[in-house]
């Protein structure tokens, strides 16, 4: 498995440079824009640094540790030892129980999770077989390196954390999500 390290510039909107606490989980996402290639997703995260926190325009914070593309390419945007902005917001009751104090302001499950974005071709959010296979291999590698032996207790959809329709395909097809977890 080849991972292209294309780390974002340090900035307050997509790579704050804060240390990640001990890893509790991996969160799977979809990019939300059909046809968006992995390098374009990374470029979007990088572009967030141009926002001005002092102006009156609302700012957006977003990033992920990894983006997996249509051809199975993997781009690492944030080193695993740092926080990425991929699962903040209002948390589900389940997430508040699982992550505890990480769901209380000013904290976030971002402090103890890794985020993986999957590219997809259409509005259904269905990842290609190649994208899914590369994502599976990446998660297996992360779990091996971090000595996580129970995928069911450490692999979640963004939906599980915030209720967001993400990754759409796996929210719409929970049986396929369970099959994916079982394949890890």
N, C-alpha and C. Protein backbone atom coordinates (compact mmCIF):
# COMPACT_ATOMS: atom_id res chain seq x y z
N UNK A 1 0.85 -1.17 0.00
CA UNK A 1 0.00 0.00 0.00
C UNK A 1 0.90 1.23 0.00
N UNK A 2 0.65 2.09 -0.96
CA UNK A 2 1.43 3.31 -1.10
C UNK A 2 0.60 4.48 -0.59
N UNK A 3 1.17 5.26 0.32
CA UNK A 3 0.50 6.43 0.87
C UNK A 3 1.33 7.65 0.50
N UNK A 4 0.70 8.60 -0.20
CA UNK A 4 1.38 9.84 -0.56
C UNK A 4 1.22 10.83 0.59
N UNK A 5 2.33 11.19 1.22
CA UNK A 5 2.29 12.18 2.30
C UNK A 5 2.27 13.57 1.67
N UNK A 6 1.11 14.19 1.71
CA UNK A 6 0.93 15.54 1.17
C UNK A 6 0.30 16.38 2.27
N UNK A 7 1.09 16.58 3.32
CA UNK A 7 0.57 17.24 4.51
C UNK A 7 0.16 18.69 4.24
N UNK A 8 -0.95 19.06 4.85
CA UNK A 8 -1.44 20.43 4.75
C UNK A 8 -0.50 21.36 5.49
N UNK A 9 -0.50 22.62 5.10
CA UNK A 9 0.23 23.65 5.85
C UNK A 9 -0.44 23.83 7.20
N UNK A 10 0.33 24.10 8.21
CA UNK A 10 -0.28 24.37 9.53
C UNK A 10 -1.08 25.66 9.46
N UNK A 11 -2.32 25.58 9.92
CA UNK A 11 -3.20 26.74 9.96
C UNK A 11 -4.38 26.41 10.87
N UNK A 12 -5.09 27.42 11.31
CA UNK A 12 -6.14 27.21 12.29
C UNK A 12 -7.41 26.56 11.74
N UNK A 13 -7.55 26.47 10.42
CA UNK A 13 -8.79 25.98 9.84
C UNK A 13 -8.74 24.53 9.35
N UNK A 14 -7.54 24.00 9.08
CA UNK A 14 -7.49 22.62 8.61
C UNK A 14 -6.35 21.78 9.19
N UNK A 15 -5.33 22.40 9.71
CA UNK A 15 -4.26 21.65 10.37
C UNK A 15 -3.74 22.46 11.55
N UNK A 16 -4.40 22.31 12.70
CA UNK A 16 -4.03 23.13 13.85
C UNK A 16 -2.70 22.75 14.49
N UNK A 17 -2.18 21.56 14.19
CA UNK A 17 -0.89 21.16 14.75
C UNK A 17 -0.96 20.66 16.19
N UNK A 18 -2.17 20.43 16.69
CA UNK A 18 -2.33 19.92 18.05
C UNK A 18 -2.10 18.41 18.07
N UNK A 19 -1.50 17.93 19.15
CA UNK A 19 -1.23 16.50 19.28
C UNK A 19 -2.53 15.73 19.47
N UNK A 20 -2.60 14.57 18.84
CA UNK A 20 -3.73 13.67 18.99
C UNK A 20 -3.57 12.91 20.30
N UNK A 21 -4.65 12.79 21.05
CA UNK A 21 -4.65 11.96 22.25
C UNK A 21 -4.59 10.49 21.81
N UNK A 22 -4.45 9.55 22.77
CA UNK A 22 -4.43 8.13 22.38
C UNK A 22 -5.64 7.78 21.51
N UNK A 23 -5.39 7.05 20.44
CA UNK A 23 -6.41 6.73 19.45
C UNK A 23 -7.51 5.85 20.04
N UNK A 24 -8.76 6.29 19.88
CA UNK A 24 -9.92 5.51 20.30
C UNK A 24 -10.66 4.90 19.12
N UNK A 25 -10.62 5.57 17.96
CA UNK A 25 -11.43 5.09 16.84
C UNK A 25 -10.98 5.69 15.52
N UNK A 26 -11.43 5.05 14.45
CA UNK A 26 -11.29 5.55 13.09
C UNK A 26 -12.69 5.89 12.59
N UNK A 27 -12.84 7.06 11.99
CA UNK A 27 -14.13 7.51 11.50
C UNK A 27 -14.08 7.58 9.98
N UNK A 28 -15.04 6.93 9.32
CA UNK A 28 -15.11 6.87 7.87
C UNK A 28 -16.12 7.90 7.37
N UNK A 29 -15.73 8.62 6.31
CA UNK A 29 -16.54 9.68 5.70
C UNK A 29 -16.61 9.46 4.19
N UNK A 30 -17.48 10.22 3.52
CA UNK A 30 -17.42 10.35 2.08
C UNK A 30 -17.26 11.83 1.79
N UNK A 31 -16.67 12.18 0.67
CA UNK A 31 -16.32 13.58 0.44
C UNK A 31 -17.52 14.47 0.20
N UNK A 32 -18.65 13.90 -0.23
CA UNK A 32 -19.87 14.70 -0.38
C UNK A 32 -20.01 15.38 -1.74
N UNK A 33 -18.95 15.41 -2.53
CA UNK A 33 -19.00 16.02 -3.87
C UNK A 33 -18.71 14.93 -4.90
N UNK A 34 -19.75 14.45 -5.59
CA UNK A 34 -19.53 13.39 -6.59
C UNK A 34 -18.46 13.78 -7.61
N UNK A 35 -17.59 12.84 -7.90
CA UNK A 35 -16.57 13.05 -8.91
C UNK A 35 -15.34 13.80 -8.45
N UNK A 36 -15.31 14.23 -7.20
CA UNK A 36 -14.16 14.99 -6.68
C UNK A 36 -13.00 14.04 -6.43
N UNK A 37 -11.89 14.26 -7.09
CA UNK A 37 -10.71 13.41 -6.96
C UNK A 37 -9.98 13.71 -5.64
N UNK A 38 -9.21 12.74 -5.18
CA UNK A 38 -8.52 12.84 -3.90
C UNK A 38 -7.62 14.08 -3.81
N UNK A 39 -6.89 14.37 -4.87
CA UNK A 39 -5.99 15.54 -4.82
C UNK A 39 -6.78 16.85 -4.73
N UNK A 40 -7.99 16.88 -5.30
CA UNK A 40 -8.84 18.08 -5.22
C UNK A 40 -9.41 18.23 -3.80
N UNK A 41 -9.71 17.13 -3.15
CA UNK A 41 -10.18 17.19 -1.77
C UNK A 41 -9.08 17.75 -0.89
N UNK A 42 -7.88 17.26 -1.10
CA UNK A 42 -6.73 17.76 -0.33
C UNK A 42 -6.53 19.25 -0.61
N UNK A 43 -6.66 19.66 -1.86
CA UNK A 43 -6.50 21.08 -2.21
C UNK A 43 -7.57 21.93 -1.53
N UNK A 44 -8.78 21.42 -1.43
CA UNK A 44 -9.84 22.15 -0.74
C UNK A 44 -9.45 22.37 0.73
N UNK A 45 -9.01 21.29 1.40
CA UNK A 45 -8.59 21.43 2.80
C UNK A 45 -7.49 22.48 2.92
N UNK A 46 -6.54 22.44 2.03
CA UNK A 46 -5.43 23.41 2.05
C UNK A 46 -5.94 24.83 1.84
N UNK A 47 -6.93 24.99 0.97
CA UNK A 47 -7.44 26.33 0.66
C UNK A 47 -8.11 27.01 1.86
N UNK A 48 -8.53 26.23 2.82
CA UNK A 48 -9.21 26.82 3.98
C UNK A 48 -8.30 27.77 4.77
N UNK A 49 -7.00 27.61 4.62
CA UNK A 49 -6.06 28.47 5.34
C UNK A 49 -6.16 29.93 4.92
N UNK A 50 -6.77 30.19 3.77
CA UNK A 50 -6.86 31.57 3.28
C UNK A 50 -8.01 32.35 3.93
N UNK A 51 -8.81 31.70 4.75
CA UNK A 51 -9.89 32.41 5.43
C UNK A 51 -9.32 33.42 6.43
N UNK A 52 -10.10 34.42 6.73
CA UNK A 52 -9.69 35.45 7.68
C UNK A 52 -10.60 35.37 8.90
N UNK A 53 -10.07 34.90 10.00
CA UNK A 53 -10.87 34.76 11.22
C UNK A 53 -11.38 36.10 11.74
N UNK A 54 -10.74 37.19 11.33
CA UNK A 54 -11.10 38.52 11.84
C UNK A 54 -12.19 39.21 11.02
N UNK A 55 -12.50 38.68 9.82
CA UNK A 55 -13.54 39.35 9.04
C UNK A 55 -14.93 38.87 9.49
N UNK A 56 -15.96 39.38 8.88
CA UNK A 56 -17.32 39.04 9.28
C UNK A 56 -17.89 37.87 8.48
N UNK A 57 -17.07 37.25 7.64
CA UNK A 57 -17.49 36.10 6.84
C UNK A 57 -17.35 34.84 7.69
N UNK A 58 -18.40 34.01 7.75
CA UNK A 58 -18.28 32.76 8.53
C UNK A 58 -17.13 31.89 8.02
N UNK A 59 -16.38 31.35 8.94
CA UNK A 59 -15.24 30.48 8.59
C UNK A 59 -15.66 29.02 8.68
N UNK A 60 -14.90 28.17 8.01
CA UNK A 60 -15.15 26.73 8.05
C UNK A 60 -13.85 26.03 8.37
N UNK A 61 -13.94 25.07 9.28
CA UNK A 61 -12.80 24.21 9.58
C UNK A 61 -13.13 22.81 9.08
N UNK A 62 -12.21 22.20 8.36
CA UNK A 62 -12.42 20.86 7.83
C UNK A 62 -11.10 20.25 7.41
N UNK A 63 -10.97 18.96 7.64
CA UNK A 63 -9.82 18.19 7.16
C UNK A 63 -10.03 16.73 7.52
N UNK A 64 -9.15 15.90 7.08
CA UNK A 64 -9.12 14.49 7.44
C UNK A 64 -7.68 14.04 7.38
N UNK A 65 -7.39 12.97 8.06
CA UNK A 65 -6.03 12.44 8.02
C UNK A 65 -5.71 11.87 6.64
N UNK A 66 -6.71 11.17 6.06
CA UNK A 66 -6.50 10.50 4.79
C UNK A 66 -7.66 10.77 3.83
N UNK A 67 -7.33 10.78 2.54
CA UNK A 67 -8.34 10.79 1.48
C UNK A 67 -8.00 9.63 0.55
N UNK A 68 -9.02 8.80 0.27
CA UNK A 68 -8.83 7.65 -0.61
C UNK A 68 -9.56 7.92 -1.92
N UNK A 69 -8.82 7.85 -3.03
CA UNK A 69 -9.35 8.20 -4.34
C UNK A 69 -9.94 7.05 -5.11
N UNK A 70 -10.41 7.37 -6.32
CA UNK A 70 -11.10 6.42 -7.20
C UNK A 70 -10.21 5.24 -7.61
N UNK A 71 -8.93 5.49 -7.77
CA UNK A 71 -8.00 4.45 -8.21
C UNK A 71 -7.30 3.77 -7.04
N UNK A 72 -7.80 4.03 -5.82
CA UNK A 72 -7.20 3.43 -4.65
C UNK A 72 -6.02 4.21 -4.11
N UNK A 73 -5.74 5.38 -4.71
CA UNK A 73 -4.64 6.20 -4.20
C UNK A 73 -5.02 6.74 -2.82
N UNK A 74 -4.04 6.83 -1.96
CA UNK A 74 -4.25 7.31 -0.60
C UNK A 74 -3.35 8.52 -0.38
N UNK A 75 -3.97 9.62 0.02
CA UNK A 75 -3.23 10.83 0.35
C UNK A 75 -3.35 11.07 1.85
N UNK A 76 -2.21 11.21 2.51
CA UNK A 76 -2.22 11.58 3.92
C UNK A 76 -2.12 13.10 4.00
N UNK A 77 -3.17 13.73 4.54
CA UNK A 77 -3.21 15.20 4.66
C UNK A 77 -2.69 15.68 6.00
N UNK A 78 -2.88 14.89 7.03
CA UNK A 78 -2.49 15.25 8.40
C UNK A 78 -1.75 14.04 8.99
N UNK A 79 -0.61 14.24 9.62
CA UNK A 79 0.07 13.11 10.28
C UNK A 79 -0.84 12.49 11.35
N UNK A 80 -0.73 11.20 11.54
CA UNK A 80 -1.59 10.51 12.51
C UNK A 80 -1.42 11.02 13.93
N UNK A 81 -0.34 11.64 14.25
CA UNK A 81 -0.12 12.15 15.60
C UNK A 81 -0.75 13.50 15.86
N UNK A 82 -1.47 14.04 14.87
CA UNK A 82 -2.09 15.36 15.00
C UNK A 82 -3.61 15.29 14.81
N UNK A 83 -4.29 16.29 15.35
CA UNK A 83 -5.74 16.42 15.22
C UNK A 83 -6.11 16.88 13.81
N UNK A 84 -7.17 16.30 13.26
CA UNK A 84 -7.80 16.78 12.03
C UNK A 84 -9.23 17.18 12.39
N UNK A 85 -9.82 18.05 11.58
CA UNK A 85 -11.19 18.52 11.83
C UNK A 85 -12.18 17.74 10.96
N UNK A 86 -12.60 16.57 11.42
CA UNK A 86 -13.48 15.74 10.59
C UNK A 86 -14.77 15.31 11.27
N UNK A 87 -14.90 15.45 12.57
CA UNK A 87 -16.16 14.97 13.19
C UNK A 87 -16.61 15.84 14.36
N UNK A 88 -16.52 17.14 14.18
CA UNK A 88 -17.04 18.04 15.20
C UNK A 88 -18.52 18.30 15.00
N UNK A 89 -19.16 18.86 15.99
CA UNK A 89 -20.57 19.22 15.84
C UNK A 89 -21.40 18.86 17.05
N UNK A 90 -22.64 18.56 16.80
CA UNK A 90 -23.57 18.11 17.84
C UNK A 90 -23.53 16.59 17.82
N UNK A 91 -23.33 15.99 18.97
CA UNK A 91 -23.06 14.56 19.03
C UNK A 91 -24.30 13.73 19.38
N UNK A 92 -24.34 12.54 18.83
CA UNK A 92 -25.43 11.61 19.11
C UNK A 92 -25.31 11.14 20.56
N UNK A 93 -26.41 10.69 21.14
CA UNK A 93 -26.33 10.13 22.50
C UNK A 93 -25.29 9.01 22.60
N UNK A 94 -25.24 8.17 21.58
CA UNK A 94 -24.26 7.08 21.59
C UNK A 94 -22.84 7.65 21.65
N UNK A 95 -22.54 8.65 20.83
CA UNK A 95 -21.20 9.24 20.80
C UNK A 95 -20.86 9.88 22.14
N UNK A 96 -21.83 10.55 22.74
CA UNK A 96 -21.57 11.17 24.05
C UNK A 96 -21.23 10.12 25.09
N UNK A 97 -21.86 8.97 24.99
CA UNK A 97 -21.54 7.88 25.93
C UNK A 97 -20.17 7.28 25.62
N UNK A 98 -19.91 6.99 24.34
CA UNK A 98 -18.66 6.34 23.94
C UNK A 98 -17.45 7.24 24.16
N UNK A 99 -17.55 8.50 23.73
CA UNK A 99 -16.41 9.42 23.78
C UNK A 99 -16.37 10.26 25.05
N UNK A 100 -17.44 10.24 25.86
CA UNK A 100 -17.45 10.94 27.14
C UNK A 100 -17.05 12.39 27.05
N UNK A 101 -16.03 12.77 27.80
CA UNK A 101 -15.61 14.17 27.88
C UNK A 101 -15.15 14.75 26.54
N UNK A 102 -14.83 13.88 25.58
CA UNK A 102 -14.45 14.40 24.26
C UNK A 102 -15.63 15.08 23.56
N UNK A 103 -16.83 14.85 24.04
CA UNK A 103 -18.01 15.48 23.43
C UNK A 103 -18.45 16.73 24.20
N UNK A 104 -17.63 17.20 25.10
CA UNK A 104 -17.94 18.41 25.86
C UNK A 104 -17.02 19.53 25.39
N UNK A 105 -17.59 20.71 25.21
CA UNK A 105 -16.79 21.86 24.78
C UNK A 105 -15.70 22.15 25.79
N UNK A 106 -14.52 22.53 25.36
CA UNK A 106 -14.10 22.81 23.99
C UNK A 106 -13.48 21.60 23.31
N UNK A 107 -13.72 20.41 23.81
CA UNK A 107 -13.11 19.22 23.23
C UNK A 107 -13.95 18.68 22.07
N UNK A 108 -13.52 17.58 21.52
CA UNK A 108 -14.19 16.96 20.39
C UNK A 108 -13.61 15.57 20.18
N UNK A 109 -14.40 14.63 19.64
CA UNK A 109 -13.82 13.34 19.27
C UNK A 109 -12.68 13.48 18.26
N UNK A 110 -12.55 14.65 17.61
CA UNK A 110 -11.39 14.87 16.74
C UNK A 110 -10.09 14.68 17.51
N UNK A 111 -10.13 14.86 18.81
CA UNK A 111 -8.93 14.78 19.65
C UNK A 111 -8.41 13.35 19.81
N UNK A 112 -9.26 12.34 19.49
CA UNK A 112 -8.85 10.95 19.72
C UNK A 112 -9.24 10.01 18.58
N UNK A 113 -9.50 10.56 17.39
CA UNK A 113 -9.89 9.73 16.25
C UNK A 113 -9.10 10.12 15.00
N UNK A 114 -9.03 9.18 14.09
CA UNK A 114 -8.47 9.45 12.76
C UNK A 114 -9.62 9.47 11.78
N UNK A 115 -9.58 10.39 10.81
CA UNK A 115 -10.62 10.51 9.81
C UNK A 115 -10.14 10.09 8.43
N UNK A 116 -10.99 9.31 7.75
CA UNK A 116 -10.70 8.85 6.39
C UNK A 116 -11.86 9.27 5.49
N UNK A 117 -11.56 10.03 4.44
CA UNK A 117 -12.55 10.44 3.44
C UNK A 117 -12.43 9.53 2.22
N UNK A 118 -13.59 9.04 1.73
CA UNK A 118 -13.60 8.22 0.53
C UNK A 118 -14.23 9.02 -0.62
N UNK A 119 -13.56 9.02 -1.76
CA UNK A 119 -14.11 9.65 -2.96
C UNK A 119 -15.18 8.73 -3.56
N UNK A 120 -16.11 9.32 -4.31
CA UNK A 120 -17.19 8.57 -4.93
C UNK A 120 -17.59 9.27 -6.22
N UNK A 121 -18.15 8.51 -7.14
CA UNK A 121 -18.45 9.04 -8.48
C UNK A 121 -19.81 9.73 -8.58
N UNK A 122 -20.80 9.28 -7.78
CA UNK A 122 -22.14 9.85 -7.96
C UNK A 122 -22.77 10.22 -6.62
N UNK A 123 -23.97 10.78 -6.69
CA UNK A 123 -24.65 11.31 -5.51
C UNK A 123 -25.04 10.23 -4.50
N UNK A 124 -25.04 8.96 -4.90
CA UNK A 124 -25.36 7.88 -3.95
C UNK A 124 -24.27 7.75 -2.89
N UNK A 125 -23.07 8.24 -3.23
CA UNK A 125 -21.95 8.13 -2.31
C UNK A 125 -21.29 6.76 -2.32
N UNK A 126 -21.70 5.90 -3.22
CA UNK A 126 -21.14 4.55 -3.25
C UNK A 126 -19.69 4.59 -3.71
N UNK A 127 -18.78 4.12 -2.86
CA UNK A 127 -17.37 4.08 -3.27
C UNK A 127 -17.15 2.94 -4.26
N UNK A 128 -16.19 3.12 -5.14
CA UNK A 128 -15.85 2.03 -6.07
C UNK A 128 -15.25 0.87 -5.29
N UNK A 129 -15.21 -0.28 -5.92
CA UNK A 129 -14.60 -1.46 -5.29
C UNK A 129 -13.14 -1.17 -4.97
N UNK A 130 -12.46 -0.45 -5.85
CA UNK A 130 -11.05 -0.13 -5.65
C UNK A 130 -10.89 0.83 -4.46
N UNK A 131 -11.74 1.85 -4.37
CA UNK A 131 -11.69 2.79 -3.24
C UNK A 131 -11.96 2.05 -1.94
N UNK A 132 -12.97 1.20 -1.95
CA UNK A 132 -13.33 0.44 -0.75
C UNK A 132 -12.21 -0.49 -0.32
N UNK A 133 -11.58 -1.15 -1.28
CA UNK A 133 -10.48 -2.07 -0.97
C UNK A 133 -9.29 -1.31 -0.37
N UNK A 134 -8.94 -0.17 -0.94
CA UNK A 134 -7.83 0.63 -0.41
C UNK A 134 -8.16 1.15 0.99
N UNK A 135 -9.41 1.55 1.19
CA UNK A 135 -9.83 2.03 2.52
C UNK A 135 -9.72 0.90 3.54
N UNK A 136 -10.16 -0.29 3.16
CA UNK A 136 -10.06 -1.46 4.04
C UNK A 136 -8.60 -1.74 4.39
N UNK A 137 -7.73 -1.72 3.40
CA UNK A 137 -6.31 -1.98 3.65
C UNK A 137 -5.72 -0.92 4.58
N UNK A 138 -6.09 0.33 4.37
CA UNK A 138 -5.60 1.42 5.22
C UNK A 138 -6.06 1.23 6.66
N UNK A 139 -7.33 0.92 6.85
CA UNK A 139 -7.85 0.72 8.20
C UNK A 139 -7.17 -0.46 8.88
N UNK A 140 -7.00 -1.55 8.15
CA UNK A 140 -6.29 -2.71 8.72
C UNK A 140 -4.88 -2.31 9.17
N UNK A 141 -4.21 -1.52 8.35
CA UNK A 141 -2.86 -1.08 8.68
C UNK A 141 -2.87 -0.18 9.93
N UNK A 142 -3.82 0.74 9.99
CA UNK A 142 -3.93 1.62 11.16
C UNK A 142 -4.19 0.79 12.41
N UNK A 143 -5.13 -0.14 12.32
CA UNK A 143 -5.46 -0.97 13.48
C UNK A 143 -4.25 -1.82 13.91
N UNK A 144 -3.52 -2.35 12.95
CA UNK A 144 -2.34 -3.16 13.28
C UNK A 144 -1.30 -2.31 13.99
N UNK A 145 -1.01 -1.13 13.43
CA UNK A 145 0.02 -0.28 14.02
C UNK A 145 -0.38 0.26 15.40
N UNK A 146 -1.67 0.48 15.60
CA UNK A 146 -2.14 1.02 16.88
C UNK A 146 -2.64 -0.08 17.83
N UNK A 147 -2.45 -1.34 17.40
CA UNK A 147 -2.81 -2.50 18.22
C UNK A 147 -4.30 -2.51 18.61
N UNK A 148 -5.14 -2.18 17.66
CA UNK A 148 -6.59 -2.24 17.84
C UNK A 148 -7.05 -3.57 17.26
N UNK A 149 -7.60 -4.43 18.10
CA UNK A 149 -7.93 -5.78 17.66
C UNK A 149 -9.43 -6.01 17.46
N UNK A 150 -10.26 -5.04 17.81
CA UNK A 150 -11.70 -5.23 17.69
C UNK A 150 -12.33 -4.12 16.84
N UNK A 151 -12.41 -4.32 15.52
CA UNK A 151 -12.94 -3.28 14.65
C UNK A 151 -14.34 -2.80 15.05
N UNK A 152 -15.16 -3.68 15.57
CA UNK A 152 -16.52 -3.28 15.95
C UNK A 152 -16.55 -2.22 17.05
N UNK A 153 -15.47 -2.12 17.80
CA UNK A 153 -15.45 -1.15 18.89
C UNK A 153 -14.59 0.08 18.58
N UNK A 154 -14.09 0.15 17.35
CA UNK A 154 -13.19 1.27 17.02
C UNK A 154 -13.31 1.77 15.59
N UNK A 155 -14.35 1.36 14.88
CA UNK A 155 -14.55 1.80 13.50
C UNK A 155 -15.99 2.28 13.36
N UNK A 156 -16.15 3.56 13.00
CA UNK A 156 -17.48 4.14 12.95
C UNK A 156 -17.67 5.01 11.72
N UNK A 157 -18.94 5.23 11.39
CA UNK A 157 -19.31 6.19 10.35
C UNK A 157 -19.42 7.56 11.01
N UNK A 158 -19.22 8.61 10.23
CA UNK A 158 -19.46 9.96 10.73
C UNK A 158 -20.89 10.05 11.28
N UNK A 159 -21.81 9.40 10.62
CA UNK A 159 -23.20 9.32 11.05
C UNK A 159 -23.34 8.87 12.50
N UNK A 160 -22.56 7.90 12.90
CA UNK A 160 -22.64 7.38 14.27
C UNK A 160 -22.26 8.43 15.30
N UNK A 161 -21.43 9.38 14.91
CA UNK A 161 -20.92 10.39 15.84
C UNK A 161 -21.82 11.62 15.89
N UNK A 162 -22.29 12.08 14.72
CA UNK A 162 -23.05 13.34 14.68
C UNK A 162 -24.45 13.20 14.08
N UNK A 163 -24.76 12.07 13.50
CA UNK A 163 -26.04 11.91 12.82
C UNK A 163 -26.04 12.42 11.39
N UNK A 164 -24.90 12.93 10.92
CA UNK A 164 -24.79 13.44 9.55
C UNK A 164 -24.90 12.29 8.55
N UNK A 165 -25.48 12.54 7.41
CA UNK A 165 -25.65 11.54 6.35
C UNK A 165 -24.30 11.28 5.68
N UNK A 166 -23.40 10.63 6.42
CA UNK A 166 -22.03 10.46 5.98
C UNK A 166 -21.41 9.24 6.65
N UNK A 167 -20.80 8.36 5.89
CA UNK A 167 -20.77 8.27 4.44
C UNK A 167 -22.12 7.78 3.91
N UNK A 168 -22.69 8.55 3.02
CA UNK A 168 -24.07 8.34 2.57
C UNK A 168 -24.38 6.89 2.19
N UNK A 169 -23.50 6.27 1.42
CA UNK A 169 -23.79 4.90 0.98
C UNK A 169 -23.95 3.96 2.18
N UNK A 170 -23.07 4.07 3.15
CA UNK A 170 -23.14 3.18 4.30
C UNK A 170 -24.25 3.56 5.28
N UNK A 171 -24.70 4.81 5.27
CA UNK A 171 -25.86 5.20 6.08
C UNK A 171 -27.12 4.62 5.44
N UNK A 172 -27.21 4.69 4.12
CA UNK A 172 -28.37 4.15 3.40
C UNK A 172 -28.38 2.63 3.32
N UNK A 173 -27.21 2.03 3.48
CA UNK A 173 -27.08 0.56 3.38
C UNK A 173 -26.33 0.02 4.61
N UNK A 174 -26.98 0.04 5.77
CA UNK A 174 -26.29 -0.39 7.00
C UNK A 174 -25.82 -1.84 6.96
N UNK A 175 -26.49 -2.68 6.17
CA UNK A 175 -26.02 -4.06 6.03
C UNK A 175 -24.66 -4.11 5.35
N UNK A 176 -24.43 -3.22 4.38
CA UNK A 176 -23.13 -3.17 3.72
C UNK A 176 -22.06 -2.61 4.65
N UNK A 177 -22.46 -1.70 5.55
CA UNK A 177 -21.52 -1.20 6.55
C UNK A 177 -21.08 -2.34 7.46
N UNK A 178 -22.02 -3.17 7.89
CA UNK A 178 -21.66 -4.30 8.75
C UNK A 178 -20.76 -5.29 8.01
N UNK A 179 -21.04 -5.50 6.73
CA UNK A 179 -20.19 -6.38 5.92
C UNK A 179 -18.78 -5.78 5.82
N UNK A 180 -18.69 -4.48 5.64
CA UNK A 180 -17.39 -3.81 5.58
C UNK A 180 -16.63 -3.97 6.90
N UNK A 181 -17.30 -3.73 8.00
CA UNK A 181 -16.65 -3.91 9.32
C UNK A 181 -16.17 -5.35 9.47
N UNK A 182 -17.02 -6.31 9.11
CA UNK A 182 -16.64 -7.72 9.23
C UNK A 182 -15.42 -8.05 8.37
N UNK A 183 -15.24 -7.33 7.27
CA UNK A 183 -14.12 -7.62 6.36
C UNK A 183 -12.79 -7.08 6.90
N UNK A 184 -12.84 -6.23 7.91
CA UNK A 184 -11.63 -5.68 8.49
C UNK A 184 -11.00 -6.75 9.36
